Amino acid sequence: MAPAGAIMEASREVEIALRDLLRKSGVDERVIARVGIQGLTRSVAEKGLLPRTIAVLQSLIKLRNLAAHGPDQLEPWQAYEFMSLADLVLAEARQQEAAADRVFSPDRPAG
């Protein structure tokens, strides 16, 4: 797969994870549906979610934009870098979702 294609595919995975995280934190579905990765990152930052990876998300946005608008300028190492950084974001998102599920689980005994 070409570097740009790999970046775009990994970017979709990150967007899905950000949408799921925002949905679980109570953000209105209409807001989530109409924004791209930049808007999702902004919403995640405003909600205080994924604090360790906001800077990583901003780096991903730059590489994703290069993949979308200048795919011939990408080198294979940039796709590998993107995927590694995306894995960090996805891991933190999964941890945060799991923590939220434990806190808000309907099966959890009251206080």
PDB file of N, CA and C in Angstrom:
ATOM      1  N   MET A   1       0.851  -1.179   0.000  1.00  0.00           N
ATOM      2  CA  MET A   1       0.000   0.000   0.000  1.00  0.00           C
ATOM      3  C   MET A   1       0.897   1.243   0.000  1.00  0.00           C
ATOM      4  N   ALA A   2       0.495   2.239  -0.730  1.00  0.00           N
ATOM      5  CA  ALA A   2       1.226   3.504  -0.786  1.00  0.00           C
ATOM      6  C   ALA A   2       1.174   4.190   0.577  1.00  0.00           C
ATOM      7  N   PRO A   3       2.191   4.982   0.919  1.00  0.00           N
ATOM      8  CA  PRO A   3       2.197   5.665   2.218  1.00  0.00           C
ATOM      9  C   PRO A   3       0.927   6.484   2.479  1.00  0.00           C
ATOM     10  N   ALA A   4       0.458   7.215   1.478  1.00  0.00           N
ATOM     11  CA  ALA A   4      -0.738   8.046   1.677  1.00  0.00           C
ATOM     12  C   ALA A   4      -1.954   7.182   1.992  1.00  0.00           C
ATOM     13  N   GLY A   5      -2.086   6.059   1.300  1.00  0.00           N
ATOM     14  CA  GLY A   5      -3.216   5.164   1.553  1.00  0.00           C
ATOM     15  C   GLY A   5      -3.173   4.588   2.960  1.00  0.00           C
ATOM     16  N   ALA A   6      -1.990   4.202   3.405  1.00  0.00           N
ATOM     17  CA  ALA A   6      -1.839   3.657   4.755  1.00  0.00           C
ATOM     18  C   ALA A   6      -2.187   4.713   5.809  1.00  0.00           C
ATOM     19  N   ILE A   7      -1.759   5.946   5.572  1.00  0.00           N
ATOM     20  CA  ILE A   7      -2.062   7.029   6.509  1.00  0.00           C
ATOM     21  C   ILE A   7      -3.557   7.303   6.544  1.00  0.00           C
ATOM     22  N   MET A   8      -4.195   7.350   5.397  1.00  0.00           N
ATOM     23  CA  MET A   8      -5.627   7.635   5.358  1.00  0.00           C
ATOM     24  C   MET A   8      -6.421   6.527   6.055  1.00  0.00           C
ATOM     25  N   GLU A   9      -6.011   5.286   5.869  1.00  0.00           N
ATOM     26  CA  GLU A   9      -6.701   4.166   6.508  1.00  0.00           C
ATOM     27  C   GLU A   9      -6.534   4.233   8.036  1.00  0.00           C
ATOM     28  N   ALA A  10      -5.318   4.474   8.499  1.00  0.00           N
ATOM     29  CA  ALA A  10      -5.083   4.587   9.944  1.00  0.00           C
ATOM     30  C   ALA A  10      -5.802   5.804  10.514  1.00  0.00           C
ATOM     31  N   SER A  11      -5.894   6.868   9.739  1.00  0.00           N
ATOM     32  CA  SER A  11      -6.596   8.073  10.174  1.00  0.00           C
ATOM     33  C   SER A  11      -8.070   7.788  10.415  1.00  0.00           C
ATOM     34  N   ARG A  12      -8.665   6.974   9.556  1.00  0.00           N
ATOM     35  CA  ARG A  12     -10.079   6.609   9.747  1.00  0.00           C
ATOM     36  C   ARG A  12     -10.265   5.870  11.077  1.00  0.00           C
ATOM     37  N   GLU A  13      -9.332   4.988  11.404  1.00  0.00           N
ATOM     38  CA  GLU A  13      -9.419   4.265  12.675  1.00  0.00           C
ATOM     39  C   GLU A  13      -9.355   5.223  13.861  1.00  0.00           C
ATOM     40  N   VAL A  14      -8.470   6.206  13.770  1.00  0.00           N
ATOM     41  CA  VAL A  14      -8.349   7.190  14.839  1.00  0.00           C
ATOM     42  C   VAL A  14      -9.637   8.002  14.947  1.00  0.00           C
ATOM     43  N   GLU A  15     -10.187   8.430  13.818  1.00  0.00           N
ATOM     44  CA  GLU A  15     -11.437   9.197  13.840  1.00  0.00           C
ATOM     45  C   GLU A  15     -12.562   8.401  14.483  1.00  0.00           C
ATOM     46  N   ILE A  16     -12.673   7.131  14.148  1.00  0.00           N
ATOM     47  CA  ILE A  16     -13.716   6.281  14.733  1.00  0.00           C
ATOM     48  C   ILE A  16     -13.543   6.214  16.246  1.00  0.00           C
ATOM     49  N   ALA A  17     -12.308   6.023  16.700  1.00  0.00           N
ATOM     50  CA  ALA A  17     -12.044   5.944  18.135  1.00  0.00           C
ATOM     51  C   ALA A  17     -12.380   7.265  18.835  1.00  0.00           C
ATOM     52  N   LEU A  18     -12.030   8.389  18.215  1.00  0.00           N
ATOM     53  CA  LEU A  18     -12.336   9.694  18.813  1.00  0.00           C
ATOM     54  C   LEU A  18     -13.839   9.920  18.872  1.00  0.00           C
ATOM     55  N   ARG A  19     -14.539   9.561  17.807  1.00  0.00           N
ATOM     56  CA  ARG A  19     -16.003   9.698  17.799  1.00  0.00           C
ATOM     57  C   ARG A  19     -16.627   8.847  18.904  1.00  0.00           C
ATOM     58  N   ASP A  20     -16.175   7.606  19.038  1.00  0.00           N
ATOM     59  CA  ASP A  20     -16.711   6.723  20.075  1.00  0.00           C
ATOM     60  C   ASP A  20     -16.455   7.294  21.467  1.00  0.00           C
ATOM     61  N   LEU A  21     -15.251   7.788  21.688  1.00  0.00           N
ATOM     62  CA  LEU A  21     -14.899   8.354  22.982  1.00  0.00           C
ATOM     63  C   LEU A  21     -15.753   9.583  23.302  1.00  0.00           C
ATOM     64  N   LEU A  22     -15.924  10.453  22.327  1.00  0.00           N
ATOM     65  CA  LEU A  22     -16.753  11.648  22.540  1.00  0.00           C
ATOM     66  C   LEU A  22     -18.209  11.271  22.772  1.00  0.00           C
ATOM     67  N   ARG A  23     -18.691  10.300  22.030  1.00  0.00           N
ATOM     68  CA  ARG A  23     -20.069   9.821  22.193  1.00  0.00           C
ATOM     69  C   ARG A  23     -20.272   9.316  23.626  1.00  0.00           C
ATOM     70  N   LYS A  24     -19.330   8.505  24.103  1.00  0.00           N
ATOM     71  CA  LYS A  24     -19.435   7.954  25.456  1.00  0.00           C
ATOM     72  C   LYS A  24     -19.297   9.020  26.533  1.00  0.00           C
ATOM     73  N   SER A  25     -18.673  10.143  26.192  1.00  0.00           N
ATOM     74  CA  SER A  25     -18.529  11.216  27.181  1.00  0.00           C
ATOM     75  C   SER A  25     -19.674  12.223  27.098  1.00  0.00           C
ATOM     76  N   GLY A  26     -20.672  11.915  26.268  1.00  0.00           N
ATOM     77  CA  GLY A  26     -21.886  12.725  26.254  1.00  0.00           C
ATOM     78  C   GLY A  26     -21.958  13.832  25.227  1.00  0.00           C
ATOM     79  N   VAL A  27     -21.039  13.889  24.292  1.00  0.00           N
ATOM     80  CA  VAL A  27     -21.089  14.918  23.258  1.00  0.00           C
ATOM     81  C   VAL A  27     -22.215  14.576  22.277  1.00  0.00           C
ATOM     82  N   ASP A  28     -22.962  15.572  21.893  1.00  0.00           N
ATOM     83  CA  ASP A  28     -24.105  15.406  20.994  1.00  0.00           C
ATOM     84  C   ASP A  28     -23.673  14.777  19.670  1.00  0.00           C
ATOM     85  N   GLU A  29     -24.405  13.789  19.244  1.00  0.00           N
ATOM     86  CA  GLU A  29     -24.105  13.060  18.006  1.00  0.00           C
ATOM     87  C   GLU A  29     -24.056  13.989  16.789  1.00  0.00           C
ATOM     88  N   ARG A  30     -24.889  15.014  16.776  1.00  0.00           N
ATOM     89  CA  ARG A  30     -24.885  15.954  15.639  1.00  0.00           C
ATOM     90  C   ARG A  30     -23.569  16.706  15.546  1.00  0.00           C
ATOM     91  N   VAL A  31     -22.968  17.003  16.680  1.00  0.00           N
ATOM     92  CA  VAL A  31     -21.668  17.670  16.698  1.00  0.00           C
ATOM     93  C   VAL A  31     -20.593  16.708  16.215  1.00  0.00           C
ATOM     94  N   ILE A  32     -20.623  15.490  16.719  1.00  0.00           N
ATOM     95  CA  ILE A  32     -19.628  14.488  16.370  1.00  0.00           C
ATOM     96  C   ILE A  32     -19.658  14.177  14.878  1.00  0.00           C
ATOM     97  N   ALA A  33     -20.843  14.094  14.317  1.00  0.00           N
ATOM     98  CA  ALA A  33     -20.999  13.667  12.923  1.00  0.00           C
ATOM     99  C   ALA A  33     -20.503  14.701  11.918  1.00  0.00           C
ATOM    100  N   ARG A  34     -20.488  15.952  12.283  1.00  0.00           N
ATOM    101  CA  ARG A  34     -20.192  16.973  11.272  1.00  0.00           C
ATOM    102  C   ARG A  34     -18.764  17.498  11.281  1.00  0.00           C
ATOM    103  N   VAL A  35     -17.897  16.936  12.117  1.00  0.00           N
ATOM    104  CA  VAL A  35     -16.521  17.418  12.166  1.00  0.00           C
ATOM    105  C   VAL A  35     -15.542  16.329  11.738  1.00  0.00           C
ATOM    106  N   GLY A  36     -14.391  16.768  11.264  1.00  0.00           N
ATOM    107  CA  GLY A  36     -13.316  15.849  10.889  1.00  0.00           C
ATOM    108  C   GLY A  36     -12.341  15.691  12.037  1.00  0.00           C
ATOM    109  N   ILE A  37     -11.172  15.180  11.714  1.00  0.00           N
ATOM    110  CA  ILE A  37     -10.205  14.852  12.763  1.00  0.00           C
ATOM    111  C   ILE A  37      -9.747  16.088  13.543  1.00  0.00           C
ATOM    112  N   GLN A  38      -9.665  17.248  12.893  1.00  0.00           N
ATOM    113  CA  GLN A  38      -9.277  18.469  13.618  1.00  0.00           C
ATOM    114  C   GLN A  38     -10.337  18.858  14.634  1.00  0.00           C
ATOM    115  N   GLY A  39     -11.585  18.852  14.218  1.00  0.00           N
ATOM    116  CA  GLY A  39     -12.675  19.187  15.139  1.00  0.00           C
ATOM    117  C   GLY A  39     -12.818  18.166  16.246  1.00  0.00           C
ATOM    118  N   LEU A  40     -12.617  16.898  15.906  1.00  0.00           N
ATOM    119  CA  LEU A  40     -12.679  15.851  16.926  1.00  0.00           C
ATOM    120  C   LEU A  40     -11.571  16.052  17.956  1.00  0.00           C
ATOM    121  N   THR A  41     -10.370  16.374  17.487  1.00  0.00           N
ATOM    122  CA  THR A  41      -9.244  16.609  18.388  1.00  0.00           C
ATOM    123  C   THR A  41      -9.526  17.804  19.288  1.00  0.00           C
ATOM    124  N   ARG A  42     -10.090  18.851  18.726  1.00  0.00           N
ATOM    125  CA  ARG A  42     -10.438  20.040  19.516  1.00  0.00           C
ATOM    126  C   ARG A  42     -11.455  19.671  20.604  1.00  0.00           C
ATOM    127  N   SER A  43     -12.480  18.893  20.235  1.00  0.00           N
ATOM    128  CA  SER A  43     -13.497  18.485  21.207  1.00  0.00           C
ATOM    129  C   SER A  43     -12.900  17.601  22.295  1.00  0.00           C
ATOM    130  N   VAL A  44     -12.018  16.694  21.906  1.00  0.00           N
ATOM    131  CA  VAL A  44     -11.354  15.811  22.868  1.00  0.00           C
ATOM    132  C   VAL A  44     -10.541  16.658  23.856  1.00  0.00           C
ATOM    133  N   ALA A  45      -9.819  17.636  23.352  1.00  0.00           N
ATOM    134  CA  ALA A  45      -9.012  18.505  24.221  1.00  0.00           C
ATOM    135  C   ALA A  45      -9.907  19.323  25.154  1.00  0.00           C
ATOM    136  N   GLU A  46     -10.997  19.872  24.631  1.00  0.00           N
ATOM    137  CA  GLU A  46     -11.906  20.683  25.440  1.00  0.00           C
ATOM    138  C   GLU A  46     -12.549  19.870  26.560  1.00  0.00           C
ATOM    139  N   LYS A  47     -12.794  18.578  26.301  1.00  0.00           N
ATOM    140  CA  LYS A  47     -13.397  17.700  27.315  1.00  0.00           C
ATOM    141  C   LYS A  47     -12.356  17.149  28.283  1.00  0.00           C
ATOM    142  N   GLY A  48     -11.073  17.415  28.024  1.00  0.00           N
ATOM    143  CA  GLY A  48     -10.020  16.913  28.894  1.00  0.00           C
ATOM    144  C   GLY A  48      -9.738  15.433  28.698  1.00  0.00           C
ATOM    145  N   LEU A  49     -10.108  14.917  27.541  1.00  0.00           N
ATOM    146  CA  LEU A  49      -9.883  13.509  27.232  1.00  0.00           C
ATOM    147  C   LEU A  49      -8.523  13.344  26.550  1.00  0.00           C
ATOM    148  N   LEU A  50      -7.909  12.210  26.721  1.00  0.00           N
ATOM    149  CA  LEU A  50      -6.628  11.876  26.077  1.00  0.00           C
ATOM    150  C   LEU A  50      -5.555  12.947  26.306  1.00  0.00           C
ATOM    151  N   PRO A  51      -5.374  13.395  27.534  1.00  0.00           N
ATOM    152  CA  PRO A  51      -4.428  14.490  27.775  1.00  0.00           C
ATOM    153  C   PRO A  51      -2.996  14.173  27.373  1.00  0.00           C
ATOM    154  N   ARG A  52      -2.614  12.894  27.437  1.00  0.00           N
ATOM    155  CA  ARG A  52      -1.227  12.538  27.098  1.00  0.00           C
ATOM    156  C   ARG A  52      -0.987  12.500  25.596  1.00  0.00           C
ATOM    157  N   THR A  53      -2.055  12.485  24.794  1.00  0.00           N
ATOM    158  CA  THR A  53      -1.844  12.314  23.354  1.00  0.00           C
ATOM    159  C   THR A  53      -2.397  13.446  22.487  1.00  0.00           C
ATOM    160  N   ILE A  54      -2.771  14.544  23.076  1.00  0.00           N
ATOM    161  CA  ILE A  54      -3.266  15.674  22.266  1.00  0.00           C
ATOM    162  C   ILE A  54      -2.181  16.155  21.305  1.00  0.00           C
ATOM    163  N   ALA A  55      -0.957  16.292  21.782  1.00  0.00           N
ATOM    164  CA  ALA A  55       0.136  16.724  20.897  1.00  0.00           C
ATOM    165  C   ALA A  55       0.376  15.691  19.800  1.00  0.00           C
ATOM    166  N   VAL A  56       0.232  14.422  20.132  1.00  0.00           N
ATOM    167  CA  VAL A  56       0.376  13.361  19.131  1.00  0.00           C
ATOM    168  C   VAL A  56      -0.721  13.489  18.082  1.00  0.00           C
ATOM    169  N   LEU A  57      -1.941  13.748  18.523  1.00  0.00           N
ATOM    170  CA  LEU A  57      -3.047  13.935  17.570  1.00  0.00           C
ATOM    171  C   LEU A  57      -2.764  15.099  16.622  1.00  0.00           C
ATOM    172  N   GLN A  58      -2.198  16.166  17.139  1.00  0.00           N
ATOM    173  CA  GLN A  58      -1.889  17.311  16.282  1.00  0.00           C
ATOM    174  C   GLN A  58      -0.832  16.944  15.241  1.00  0.00           C
ATOM    175  N   SER A  59       0.129  16.117  15.609  1.00  0.00           N
ATOM    176  CA  SER A  59       1.115  15.629  14.633  1.00  0.00           C
ATOM    177  C   SER A  59       0.451  14.741  13.591  1.00  0.00           C
ATOM    178  N   LEU A  60      -0.486  13.916  14.029  1.00  0.00           N
ATOM    179  CA  LEU A  60      -1.205  13.050  13.092  1.00  0.00           C
ATOM    180  C   LEU A  60      -1.995  13.874  12.078  1.00  0.00           C
ATOM    181  N   ILE A  61      -2.585  14.948  12.543  1.00  0.00           N
ATOM    182  CA  ILE A  61      -3.365  15.816  11.641  1.00  0.00           C
ATOM    183  C   ILE A  61      -2.466  16.364  10.535  1.00  0.00           C
ATOM    184  N   LYS A  62      -1.273  16.790  10.893  1.00  0.00           N
ATOM    185  CA  LYS A  62      -0.349  17.346   9.889  1.00  0.00           C
ATOM    186  C   LYS A  62       0.016  16.295   8.843  1.00  0.00           C
ATOM    187  N   LEU A  63       0.339  15.081   9.304  1.00  0.00           N
ATOM    188  CA  LEU A  63       0.680  14.018   8.352  1.00  0.00           C
ATOM    189  C   LEU A  63      -0.525  13.599   7.522  1.00  0.00           C
ATOM    190  N   ARG A  64      -1.696  13.578   8.141  1.00  0.00           N
ATOM    191  CA  ARG A  64      -2.913  13.202   7.419  1.00  0.00           C
ATOM    192  C   ARG A  64      -3.219  14.225   6.326  1.00  0.00           C
ATOM    193  N   ASN A  65      -3.039  15.497   6.642  1.00  0.00           N
ATOM    194  CA  ASN A  65      -3.274  16.540   5.643  1.00  0.00           C
ATOM    195  C   ASN A  65      -2.284  16.425   4.489  1.00  0.00           C
ATOM    196  N   LEU A  66      -1.053  16.082   4.801  1.00  0.00           N
ATOM    197  CA  LEU A  66      -0.066  15.871   3.742  1.00  0.00           C
ATOM    198  C   LEU A  66      -0.468  14.680   2.874  1.00  0.00           C
ATOM    199  N   ALA A  67      -0.968  13.628   3.500  1.00  0.00           N
ATOM    200  CA  ALA A  67      -1.417  12.450   2.744  1.00  0.00           C
ATOM    201  C   ALA A  67      -2.585  12.792   1.837  1.00  0.00           C
ATOM    202  N   ALA A  68      -3.481  13.642   2.327  1.00  0.00           N
ATOM    203  CA  ALA A  68      -4.668  13.996   1.542  1.00  0.00           C
ATOM    204  C   ALA A  68      -4.361  14.986   0.424  1.00  0.00           C
ATOM    205  N   HIS A  69      -3.437  15.905   0.666  1.00  0.00           N
ATOM    206  CA  HIS A  69      -3.223  16.998  -0.288  1.00  0.00           C
ATOM    207  C   HIS A  69      -1.877  16.979  -1.002  1.00  0.00           C
ATOM    208  N   GLY A  70      -0.966  16.128  -0.562  1.00  0.00           N
ATOM    209  CA  GLY A  70       0.343  16.044  -1.207  1.00  0.00           C
ATOM    210  C   GLY A  70       0.898  14.637  -1.114  1.00  0.00           C
ATOM    211  N   PRO A  71       0.110  13.657  -1.522  1.00  0.00           N
ATOM    212  CA  PRO A  71       0.513  12.257  -1.312  1.00  0.00           C
ATOM    213  C   PRO A  71       1.848  11.884  -1.943  1.00  0.00           C
ATOM    214  N   ASP A  72       2.231  12.549  -3.016  1.00  0.00           N
ATOM    215  CA  ASP A  72       3.500  12.227  -3.682  1.00  0.00           C
ATOM    216  C   ASP A  72       4.712  12.694  -2.885  1.00  0.00           C
ATOM    217  N   GLN A  73       4.478  13.540  -1.885  1.00  0.00           N
ATOM    218  CA  GLN A  73       5.573  14.065  -1.075  1.00  0.00           C
ATOM    219  C   GLN A  73       5.912  13.164   0.110  1.00  0.00           C
ATOM    220  N   LEU A  74       5.109  12.115   0.326  1.00  0.00           N
ATOM    221  CA  LEU A  74       5.298  11.244   1.491  1.00  0.00           C
ATOM    222  C   LEU A  74       6.318  10.148   1.230  1.00  0.00           C
ATOM    223  N   GLU A  75       7.036   9.818   2.279  1.00  0.00           N
ATOM    224  CA  GLU A  75       7.989   8.716   2.252  1.00  0.00           C
ATOM    225  C   GLU A  75       7.409   7.571   3.088  1.00  0.00           C
ATOM    226  N   PRO A  76       7.807   6.336   2.798  1.00  0.00           N
ATOM    227  CA  PRO A  76       7.290   5.205   3.576  1.00  0.00           C
ATOM    228  C   PRO A  76       7.495   5.342   5.084  1.00  0.00           C
ATOM    229  N   TRP A  77       8.630   5.925   5.505  1.00  0.00           N
ATOM    230  CA  TRP A  77       8.867   6.065   6.944  1.00  0.00           C
ATOM    231  C   TRP A  77       7.812   6.933   7.602  1.00  0.00           C
ATOM    232  N   GLN A  78       7.229   7.886   6.854  1.00  0.00           N
ATOM    233  CA  GLN A  78       6.198   8.747   7.431  1.00  0.00           C
ATOM    234  C   GLN A  78       4.919   7.957   7.698  1.00  0.00           C
ATOM    235  N   ALA A  79       4.621   6.999   6.839  1.00  0.00           N
ATOM    236  CA  ALA A  79       3.454   6.141   7.074  1.00  0.00           C
ATOM    237  C   ALA A  79       3.678   5.288   8.316  1.00  0.00           C
ATOM    238  N   TYR A  80       4.890   4.747   8.470  1.00  0.00           N
ATOM    239  CA  TYR A  80       5.193   3.958   9.661  1.00  0.00           C
ATOM    240  C   TYR A  80       5.105   4.813  10.922  1.00  0.00           C
ATOM    241  N   GLU A  81       5.615   6.031  10.828  1.00  0.00           N
ATOM    242  CA  GLU A  81       5.534   6.940  11.967  1.00  0.00           C
ATOM    243  C   GLU A  81       4.074   7.225  12.313  1.00  0.00           C
ATOM    244  N   PHE A  82       3.268   7.495  11.288  1.00  0.00           N
ATOM    245  CA  PHE A  82       1.855   7.783  11.510  1.00  0.00           C
ATOM    246  C   PHE A  82       1.186   6.604  12.214  1.00  0.00           C
ATOM    247  N   MET A  83       1.437   5.397  11.712  1.00  0.00           N
ATOM    248  CA  MET A  83       0.789   4.220  12.296  1.00  0.00           C
ATOM    249  C   MET A  83       1.239   4.000  13.744  1.00  0.00           C
ATOM    250  N   SER A  84       2.500   4.244  14.037  1.00  0.00           N
ATOM    251  CA  SER A  84       2.985   4.101  15.416  1.00  0.00           C
ATOM    252  C   SER A  84       2.317   5.116  16.338  1.00  0.00           C
ATOM    253  N   LEU A  85       2.234   6.357  15.876  1.00  0.00           N
ATOM    254  CA  LEU A  85       1.582   7.397  16.670  1.00  0.00           C
ATOM    255  C   LEU A  85       0.089   7.113  16.820  1.00  0.00           C
ATOM    256  N   ALA A  86      -0.538   6.640  15.753  1.00  0.00           N
ATOM    257  CA  ALA A  86      -1.958   6.294  15.812  1.00  0.00           C
ATOM    258  C   ALA A  86      -2.193   5.190  16.837  1.00  0.00           C
ATOM    259  N   ASP A  87      -1.283   4.224  16.903  1.00  0.00           N
ATOM    260  CA  ASP A  87      -1.414   3.153  17.891  1.00  0.00           C
ATOM    261  C   ASP A  87      -1.389   3.703  19.315  1.00  0.00           C
ATOM    262  N   LEU A  88      -0.558   4.719  19.566  1.00  0.00           N
ATOM    263  CA  LEU A  88      -0.524   5.347  20.894  1.00  0.00           C
ATOM    264  C   LEU A  88      -1.873   5.979  21.232  1.00  0.00           C
ATOM    265  N   VAL A  89      -2.437   6.696  20.276  1.00  0.00           N
ATOM    266  CA  VAL A  89      -3.737   7.345  20.488  1.00  0.00           C
ATOM    267  C   VAL A  89      -4.817   6.297  20.712  1.00  0.00           C
ATOM    268  N   LEU A  90      -4.835   5.265  19.885  1.00  0.00           N
ATOM    269  CA  LEU A  90      -5.851   4.220  20.012  1.00  0.00           C
ATOM    270  C   LEU A  90      -5.742   3.504  21.352  1.00  0.00           C
ATOM    271  N   ALA A  91      -4.534   3.259  21.821  1.00  0.00           N
ATOM    272  CA  ALA A  91      -4.355   2.590  23.110  1.00  0.00           C
ATOM    273  C   ALA A  91      -4.888   3.460  24.251  1.00  0.00           C
ATOM    274  N   GLU A  92      -4.577   4.750  24.225  1.00  0.00           N
ATOM    275  CA  GLU A  92      -5.079   5.631  25.284  1.00  0.00           C
ATOM    276  C   GLU A  92      -6.597   5.755  25.205  1.00  0.00           C
ATOM    277  N   ALA A  93      -7.142   5.827  23.994  1.00  0.00           N
ATOM    278  CA  ALA A  93      -8.596   5.917  23.839  1.00  0.00           C
ATOM    279  C   ALA A  93      -9.268   4.660  24.405  1.00  0.00           C
ATOM    280  N   ARG A  94      -8.690   3.479  24.137  1.00  0.00           N
ATOM    281  CA  ARG A  94      -9.260   2.235  24.677  1.00  0.00           C
ATOM    282  C   ARG A  94      -9.197   2.224  26.204  1.00  0.00           C
ATOM    283  N   GLN A  95      -8.085   2.691  26.759  1.00  0.00           N
ATOM    284  CA  GLN A  95      -7.959   2.746  28.220  1.00  0.00           C
ATOM    285  C   GLN A  95      -9.003   3.682  28.818  1.00  0.00           C
ATOM    286  N   GLN A  96      -9.188   4.825  28.189  1.00  0.00           N
ATOM    287  CA  GLN A  96     -10.133   5.798  28.719  1.00  0.00           C
ATOM    288  C   GLN A  96     -11.569   5.281  28.591  1.00  0.00           C
ATOM    289  N   GLU A  97     -11.875   4.628  27.467  1.00  0.00           N
ATOM    290  CA  GLU A  97     -13.212   4.053  27.302  1.00  0.00           C
ATOM    291  C   GLU A  97     -13.464   2.970  28.334  1.00  0.00           C
ATOM    292  N   ALA A  98     -12.476   2.127  28.582  1.00  0.00           N
ATOM    293  CA  ALA A  98     -12.630   1.057  29.569  1.00  0.00           C
ATOM    294  C   ALA A  98     -12.861   1.651  30.956  1.00  0.00           C
ATOM    295  N   ALA A  99     -12.129   2.698  31.290  1.00  0.00           N
ATOM    296  CA  ALA A  99     -12.308   3.351  32.584  1.00  0.00           C
ATOM    297  C   ALA A  99     -13.703   3.962  32.686  1.00  0.00           C
ATOM    298  N   ALA A 100     -14.165   4.591  31.611  1.00  0.00           N
ATOM    299  CA  ALA A 100     -15.511   5.186  31.603  1.00  0.00           C
ATOM    300  C   ALA A 100     -16.576   4.103  31.728  1.00  0.00           C
ATOM    301  N   ASP A 101     -16.373   2.984  31.075  1.00  0.00           N
ATOM    302  CA  ASP A 101     -17.331   1.881  31.170  1.00  0.00           C
ATOM    303  C   ASP A 101     -17.424   1.362  32.600  1.00  0.00           C
ATOM    304  N   ARG A 102     -16.296   1.298  33.306  1.00  0.00           N
ATOM    305  CA  ARG A 102     -16.312   0.826  34.699  1.00  0.00           C
ATOM    306  C   ARG A 102     -17.041   1.817  35.599  1.00  0.00           C
ATOM    307  N   VAL A 103     -16.830   3.109  35.347  1.00  0.00           N
ATOM    308  CA  VAL A 103     -17.455   4.130  36.178  1.00  0.00           C
ATOM    309  C   VAL A 103     -18.954   4.208  35.940  1.00  0.00           C
ATOM    310  N   PHE A 104     -19.374   4.102  34.678  1.00  0.00           N
ATOM    311  CA  PHE A 104     -20.773   4.309  34.329  1.00  0.00           C
ATOM    312  C   PHE A 104     -21.538   3.016  34.067  1.00  0.00           C
ATOM    313  N   SER A 105     -20.972   1.891  34.420  1.00  0.00           N
ATOM    314  CA  SER A 105     -21.618   0.614  34.174  1.00  0.00           C
ATOM    315  C   SER A 105     -22.911   0.500  34.964  1.00  0.00           C
ATOM    316  N   PRO A 106     -24.038   0.138  34.277  1.00  0.00           N
ATOM    317  CA  PRO A 106     -25.311  -0.017  34.996  1.00  0.00           C
ATOM    318  C   PRO A 106     -25.273  -1.198  35.968  1.00  0.00           C
ATOM    319  N   ASP A 107     -24.337  -2.117  35.792  1.00  0.00           N
ATOM    320  CA  ASP A 107     -24.238  -3.294  36.662  1.00  0.00           C
ATOM    321  C   ASP A 107     -23.428  -3.001  37.923  1.00  0.00           C
ATOM    322  N   ARG A 108     -22.810  -1.848  37.960  1.00  0.00           N
ATOM    323  CA  ARG A 108     -21.960  -1.497  39.095  1.00  0.00           C
ATOM    324  C   ARG A 108     -22.843  -1.195  40.316  1.00  0.00           C
ATOM    325  N   PRO A 109     -22.526  -1.800  41.456  1.00  0.00           N
ATOM    326  CA  PRO A 109     -23.315  -1.528  42.661  1.00  0.00           C
ATOM    327  C   PRO A 109     -23.204  -0.068  43.092  1.00  0.00           C
ATOM    328  N   ALA A 110     -24.272   0.456  43.597  1.00  0.00           N
ATOM    329  CA  ALA A 110     -24.279   1.858  44.045  1.00  0.00           C
ATOM    330  C   ALA A 110     -23.416   2.010  45.282  1.00  0.00           C
ATOM    331  N   GLY A 111     -22.721   3.174  45.344  1.00  0.00           N
ATOM    332  CA  GLY A 111     -21.887   3.684  46.345  1.00  0.00           C
ATOM    333  C   GLY A 111     -21.503   2.925  47.493  1.00  0.00           C
TER     334      GLY A 111
END
